[in-house]
Amino acid sequence: MSDPTFTEAEATAFATRYGLNLPADQMATLAGKMAEIAKAGLAIPRPSTKFVMPAPVFRVNNG
């Protein structure tokens, strides 16, 4: 799988959705940070199905 990349236009669209008005240099930084965050998210192991989960590991005491 290739590393995720984001263009400045995608970063601008993201910032606009949240009402941010950033200068061009900060928009470039945002695009780079978005890629870093997406890469970190892809590294998190995920269960293959909703039935394979760590629920039995956790216990709740109702008393």
PDB file of N, CA and C in Angstrom:
ATOM      1  N   MET A   1       0.843  -1.168   0.000  1.00  0.00           N
ATOM      2  CA  MET A   1       0.000   0.000   0.000  1.00  0.00           C
ATOM      3  C   MET A   1       0.895   1.239   0.000  1.00  0.00           C
ATOM      4  N   SER A   2       0.521   2.210  -0.820  1.00  0.00           N
ATOM      5  CA  SER A   2       1.331   3.427  -0.889  1.00  0.00           C
ATOM      6  C   SER A   2       0.964   4.384   0.244  1.00  0.00           C
ATOM      7  N   ASP A   3       1.897   5.261   0.561  1.00  0.00           N
ATOM      8  CA  ASP A   3       1.650   6.257   1.605  1.00  0.00           C
ATOM      9  C   ASP A   3       0.590   7.244   1.135  1.00  0.00           C
ATOM     10  N   PRO A   4      -0.300   7.642   2.019  1.00  0.00           N
ATOM     11  CA  PRO A   4      -1.316   8.632   1.637  1.00  0.00           C
ATOM     12  C   PRO A   4      -0.678   9.998   1.422  1.00  0.00           C
ATOM     13  N   THR A   5      -1.172  10.717   0.431  1.00  0.00           N
ATOM     14  CA  THR A   5      -0.707  12.071   0.169  1.00  0.00           C
ATOM     15  C   THR A   5      -1.918  12.982   0.025  1.00  0.00           C
ATOM     16  N   PHE A   6      -1.746  14.228   0.363  1.00  0.00           N
ATOM     17  CA  PHE A   6      -2.804  15.219   0.245  1.00  0.00           C
ATOM     18  C   PHE A   6      -2.238  16.454  -0.448  1.00  0.00           C
ATOM     19  N   THR A   7      -3.002  17.005  -1.365  1.00  0.00           N
ATOM     20  CA  THR A   7      -2.578  18.219  -2.050  1.00  0.00           C
ATOM     21  C   THR A   7      -2.977  19.432  -1.221  1.00  0.00           C
ATOM     22  N   GLU A   8      -2.412  20.582  -1.596  1.00  0.00           N
ATOM     23  CA  GLU A   8      -2.797  21.813  -0.909  1.00  0.00           C
ATOM     24  C   GLU A   8      -4.273  22.120  -1.141  1.00  0.00           C
ATOM     25  N   ALA A   9      -4.787  21.747  -2.308  1.00  0.00           N
ATOM     26  CA  ALA A   9      -6.207  21.979  -2.601  1.00  0.00           C
ATOM     27  C   ALA A   9      -7.086  21.161  -1.660  1.00  0.00           C
ATOM     28  N   GLU A  10      -6.680  19.915  -1.384  1.00  0.00           N
ATOM     29  CA  GLU A  10      -7.446  19.077  -0.451  1.00  0.00           C
ATOM     30  C   GLU A  10      -7.361  19.643   0.969  1.00  0.00           C
ATOM     31  N   ALA A  11      -6.192  20.140   1.347  1.00  0.00           N
ATOM     32  CA  ALA A  11      -6.027  20.750   2.665  1.00  0.00           C
ATOM     33  C   ALA A  11      -6.871  22.015   2.767  1.00  0.00           C
ATOM     34  N   THR A  12      -6.915  22.794   1.698  1.00  0.00           N
ATOM     35  CA  THR A  12      -7.727  24.005   1.680  1.00  0.00           C
ATOM     36  C   THR A  12      -9.206  23.667   1.820  1.00  0.00           C
ATOM     37  N   ALA A  13      -9.655  22.630   1.105  1.00  0.00           N
ATOM     38  CA  ALA A  13     -11.056  22.207   1.207  1.00  0.00           C
ATOM     39  C   ALA A  13     -11.381  21.756   2.627  1.00  0.00           C
ATOM     40  N   PHE A  14     -10.473  21.015   3.243  1.00  0.00           N
ATOM     41  CA  PHE A  14     -10.664  20.559   4.614  1.00  0.00           C
ATOM     42  C   PHE A  14     -10.758  21.750   5.562  1.00  0.00           C
ATOM     43  N   ALA A  15      -9.827  22.685   5.430  1.00  0.00           N
ATOM     44  CA  ALA A  15      -9.805  23.855   6.305  1.00  0.00           C
ATOM     45  C   ALA A  15     -11.056  24.708   6.114  1.00  0.00           C
ATOM     46  N   THR A  16     -11.499  24.845   4.893  1.00  0.00           N
ATOM     47  CA  THR A  16     -12.693  25.643   4.597  1.00  0.00           C
ATOM     48  C   THR A  16     -13.926  25.030   5.245  1.00  0.00           C
ATOM     49  N   ARG A  17     -14.021  23.688   5.215  1.00  0.00           N
ATOM     50  CA  ARG A  17     -15.175  23.022   5.852  1.00  0.00           C
ATOM     51  C   ARG A  17     -15.275  23.357   7.330  1.00  0.00           C
ATOM     52  N   TYR A  18     -14.141  23.604   7.959  1.00  0.00           N
ATOM     53  CA  TYR A  18     -14.124  23.904   9.391  1.00  0.00           C
ATOM     54  C   TYR A  18     -13.958  25.396   9.681  1.00  0.00           C
ATOM     55  N   GLY A  19     -14.083  26.217   8.652  1.00  0.00           N
ATOM     56  CA  GLY A  19     -14.053  27.655   8.843  1.00  0.00           C
ATOM     57  C   GLY A  19     -12.669  28.236   9.110  1.00  0.00           C
ATOM     58  N   LEU A  20     -11.634  27.529   8.692  1.00  0.00           N
ATOM     59  CA  LEU A  20     -10.264  28.026   8.901  1.00  0.00           C
ATOM     60  C   LEU A  20      -9.797  28.792   7.672  1.00  0.00           C
ATOM     61  N   ASN A  21      -9.144  29.895   7.886  1.00  0.00           N
ATOM     62  CA  ASN A  21      -8.566  30.688   6.806  1.00  0.00           C
ATOM     63  C   ASN A  21      -7.075  30.807   7.088  1.00  0.00           C
ATOM     64  N   LEU A  22      -6.296  29.880   6.523  1.00  0.00           N
ATOM     65  CA  LEU A  22      -4.869  29.804   6.817  1.00  0.00           C
ATOM     66  C   LEU A  22      -4.034  30.372   5.680  1.00  0.00           C
ATOM     67  N   PRO A  23      -2.878  30.957   5.989  1.00  0.00           N
ATOM     68  CA  PRO A  23      -1.959  31.399   4.935  1.00  0.00           C
ATOM     69  C   PRO A  23      -1.416  30.196   4.155  1.00  0.00           C
ATOM     70  N   ALA A  24      -0.878  30.465   2.980  1.00  0.00           N
ATOM     71  CA  ALA A  24      -0.410  29.396   2.085  1.00  0.00           C
ATOM     72  C   ALA A  24       0.637  28.495   2.738  1.00  0.00           C
ATOM     73  N   ASP A  25       1.568  29.066   3.495  1.00  0.00           N
ATOM     74  CA  ASP A  25       2.605  28.229   4.111  1.00  0.00           C
ATOM     75  C   ASP A  25       2.013  27.282   5.154  1.00  0.00           C
ATOM     76  N   GLN A  26       1.026  27.749   5.893  1.00  0.00           N
ATOM     77  CA  GLN A  26       0.374  26.887   6.880  1.00  0.00           C
ATOM     78  C   GLN A  26      -0.506  25.836   6.198  1.00  0.00           C
ATOM     79  N   MET A  27      -1.055  26.176   5.032  1.00  0.00           N
ATOM     80  CA  MET A  27      -1.862  25.210   4.291  1.00  0.00           C
ATOM     81  C   MET A  27      -0.980  24.055   3.805  1.00  0.00           C
ATOM     82  N   ALA A  28       0.242  24.368   3.367  1.00  0.00           N
ATOM     83  CA  ALA A  28       1.185  23.322   2.949  1.00  0.00           C
ATOM     84  C   ALA A  28       1.552  22.441   4.137  1.00  0.00           C
ATOM     85  N   THR A  29       1.754  23.049   5.299  1.00  0.00           N
ATOM     86  CA  THR A  29       2.053  22.286   6.511  1.00  0.00           C
ATOM     87  C   THR A  29       0.874  21.392   6.877  1.00  0.00           C
ATOM     88  N   LEU A  30      -0.341  21.927   6.752  1.00  0.00           N
ATOM     89  CA  LEU A  30      -1.534  21.142   7.050  1.00  0.00           C
ATOM     90  C   LEU A  30      -1.628  19.922   6.149  1.00  0.00           C
ATOM     91  N   ALA A  31      -1.334  20.099   4.856  1.00  0.00           N
ATOM     92  CA  ALA A  31      -1.376  18.962   3.918  1.00  0.00           C
ATOM     93  C   ALA A  31      -0.387  17.882   4.347  1.00  0.00           C
ATOM     94  N   GLY A  32       0.801  18.280   4.777  1.00  0.00           N
ATOM     95  CA  GLY A  32       1.800  17.313   5.240  1.00  0.00           C
ATOM     96  C   GLY A  32       1.359  16.608   6.510  1.00  0.00           C
ATOM     97  N   LYS A  33       0.771  17.357   7.437  1.00  0.00           N
ATOM     98  CA  LYS A  33       0.290  16.758   8.690  1.00  0.00           C
ATOM     99  C   LYS A  33      -0.866  15.806   8.436  1.00  0.00           C
ATOM    100  N   MET A  34      -1.731  16.154   7.476  1.00  0.00           N
ATOM    101  CA  MET A  34      -2.849  15.261   7.140  1.00  0.00           C
ATOM    102  C   MET A  34      -2.320  13.911   6.654  1.00  0.00           C
ATOM    103  N   ALA A  35      -1.251  13.948   5.859  1.00  0.00           N
ATOM    104  CA  ALA A  35      -0.651  12.705   5.367  1.00  0.00           C
ATOM    105  C   ALA A  35      -0.040  11.898   6.514  1.00  0.00           C
ATOM    106  N   GLU A  36       0.644  12.571   7.443  1.00  0.00           N
ATOM    107  CA  GLU A  36       1.227  11.883   8.597  1.00  0.00           C
ATOM    108  C   GLU A  36       0.149  11.216   9.442  1.00  0.00           C
ATOM    109  N   ILE A  37      -0.947  11.923   9.665  1.00  0.00           N
ATOM    110  CA  ILE A  37      -2.045  11.392  10.476  1.00  0.00           C
ATOM    111  C   ILE A  37      -2.688  10.197   9.783  1.00  0.00           C
ATOM    112  N   ALA A  38      -2.906  10.308   8.472  1.00  0.00           N
ATOM    113  CA  ALA A  38      -3.507   9.195   7.730  1.00  0.00           C
ATOM    114  C   ALA A  38      -2.592   7.970   7.753  1.00  0.00           C
ATOM    115  N   LYS A  39      -1.296   8.185   7.630  1.00  0.00           N
ATOM    116  CA  LYS A  39      -0.327   7.075   7.669  1.00  0.00           C
ATOM    117  C   LYS A  39      -0.349   6.392   9.034  1.00  0.00           C
ATOM    118  N   ALA A  40      -0.415   7.193  10.096  1.00  0.00           N
ATOM    119  CA  ALA A  40      -0.475   6.620  11.446  1.00  0.00           C
ATOM    120  C   ALA A  40      -1.770   5.822  11.633  1.00  0.00           C
ATOM    121  N   GLY A  41      -2.864   6.318  11.098  1.00  0.00           N
ATOM    122  CA  GLY A  41      -4.135   5.607  11.204  1.00  0.00           C
ATOM    123  C   GLY A  41      -4.121   4.277  10.478  1.00  0.00           C
ATOM    124  N   LEU A  42      -3.408   4.220   9.364  1.00  0.00           N
ATOM    125  CA  LEU A  42      -3.318   2.964   8.613  1.00  0.00           C
ATOM    126  C   LEU A  42      -2.478   1.921   9.338  1.00  0.00           C
ATOM    127  N   ALA A  43      -1.614   2.364  10.243  1.00  0.00           N
ATOM    128  CA  ALA A  43      -0.734   1.440  10.965  1.00  0.00           C
ATOM    129  C   ALA A  43      -1.439   0.762  12.135  1.00  0.00           C
ATOM    130  N   ILE A  44      -2.625   1.242  12.500  1.00  0.00           N
ATOM    131  CA  ILE A  44      -3.355   0.656  13.626  1.00  0.00           C
ATOM    132  C   ILE A  44      -3.968  -0.671  13.177  1.00  0.00           C
ATOM    133  N   PRO A  45      -3.661  -1.761  13.877  1.00  0.00           N
ATOM    134  CA  PRO A  45      -4.243  -3.047  13.483  1.00  0.00           C
ATOM    135  C   PRO A  45      -5.754  -3.055  13.710  1.00  0.00           C
ATOM    136  N   ARG A  46      -6.464  -3.580  12.771  1.00  0.00           N
ATOM    137  CA  ARG A  46      -7.911  -3.634  12.852  1.00  0.00           C
ATOM    138  C   ARG A  46      -8.369  -5.092  12.775  1.00  0.00           C
ATOM    139  N   PRO A  47      -9.447  -5.447  13.498  1.00  0.00           N
ATOM    140  CA  PRO A  47      -9.954  -6.819  13.403  1.00  0.00           C
ATOM    141  C   PRO A  47     -10.521  -7.079  12.010  1.00  0.00           C
ATOM    142  N   SER A  48     -10.454  -8.327  11.580  1.00  0.00           N
ATOM    143  CA  SER A  48     -10.925  -8.672  10.244  1.00  0.00           C
ATOM    144  C   SER A  48     -12.446  -8.588  10.123  1.00  0.00           C
ATOM    145  N   THR A  49     -13.154  -8.859  11.208  1.00  0.00           N
ATOM    146  CA  THR A  49     -14.612  -8.726  11.199  1.00  0.00           C
ATOM    147  C   THR A  49     -15.060  -8.143  12.524  1.00  0.00           C
ATOM    148  N   LYS A  50     -16.321  -7.776  12.604  1.00  0.00           N
ATOM    149  CA  LYS A  50     -16.819  -7.207  13.860  1.00  0.00           C
ATOM    150  C   LYS A  50     -16.921  -8.268  14.955  1.00  0.00           C
ATOM    151  N   PHE A  51     -16.828  -9.535  14.570  1.00  0.00           N
ATOM    152  CA  PHE A  51     -16.915 -10.608  15.557  1.00  0.00           C
ATOM    153  C   PHE A  51     -15.554 -10.943  16.157  1.00  0.00           C
ATOM    154  N   VAL A  52     -14.473 -10.415  15.582  1.00  0.00           N
ATOM    155  CA  VAL A  52     -13.133 -10.621  16.114  1.00  0.00           C
ATOM    156  C   VAL A  52     -12.750  -9.326  16.818  1.00  0.00           C
ATOM    157  N   MET A  53     -12.925  -9.279  18.114  1.00  0.00           N
ATOM    158  CA  MET A  53     -12.627  -8.061  18.860  1.00  0.00           C
ATOM    159  C   MET A  53     -12.117  -8.416  20.245  1.00  0.00           C
ATOM    160  N   PRO A  54     -11.540  -7.480  20.929  1.00  0.00           N
ATOM    161  CA  PRO A  54     -10.949  -7.778  22.230  1.00  0.00           C
ATOM    162  C   PRO A  54     -11.946  -7.725  23.389  1.00  0.00           C
ATOM    163  N   ALA A  55     -13.232  -7.747  23.122  1.00  0.00           N
ATOM    164  CA  ALA A  55     -14.230  -7.618  24.180  1.00  0.00           C
ATOM    165  C   ALA A  55     -14.045  -8.625  25.318  1.00  0.00           C
ATOM    166  N   PRO A  56     -13.721  -9.898  25.050  1.00  0.00           N
ATOM    167  CA  PRO A  56     -13.557 -10.838  26.164  1.00  0.00           C
ATOM    168  C   PRO A  56     -12.406 -10.472  27.103  1.00  0.00           C
ATOM    169  N   VAL A  57     -11.496  -9.627  26.659  1.00  0.00           N
ATOM    170  CA  VAL A  57     -10.370  -9.237  27.478  1.00  0.00           C
ATOM    171  C   VAL A  57     -10.824  -8.313  28.604  1.00  0.00           C
ATOM    172  N   PHE A  58     -11.836  -7.513  28.339  1.00  0.00           N
ATOM    173  CA  PHE A  58     -12.302  -6.524  29.298  1.00  0.00           C
ATOM    174  C   PHE A  58     -13.471  -7.068  30.111  1.00  0.00           C
ATOM    175  N   ARG A  59     -13.502  -6.768  31.387  1.00  0.00           N
ATOM    176  CA  ARG A  59     -14.576  -7.221  32.252  1.00  0.00           C
ATOM    177  C   ARG A  59     -15.129  -6.014  33.005  1.00  0.00           C
ATOM    178  N   VAL A  60     -16.427  -6.013  33.197  1.00  0.00           N
ATOM    179  CA  VAL A  60     -17.090  -4.936  33.924  1.00  0.00           C
ATOM    180  C   VAL A  60     -17.709  -5.541  35.178  1.00  0.00           C
ATOM    181  N   ASN A  61     -17.378  -4.980  36.328  1.00  0.00           N
ATOM    182  CA  ASN A  61     -17.965  -5.447  37.575  1.00  0.00           C
ATOM    183  C   ASN A  61     -19.237  -4.665  37.837  1.00  0.00           C
ATOM    184  N   ASN A  62     -20.338  -5.362  37.984  1.00  0.00           N
ATOM    185  CA  ASN A  62     -21.630  -4.711  38.226  1.00  0.00           C
ATOM    186  C   ASN A  62     -21.981  -4.687  39.700  1.00  0.00           C
ATOM    187  N   GLY A  63     -21.021  -4.696  40.555  1.00  0.00           N
ATOM    188  CA  GLY A  63     -21.355  -4.782  41.967  1.00  0.00           C
ATOM    189  C   GLY A  63     -20.721  -3.796  42.778  1.00  0.00           C
TER     190      GLY A  63
END
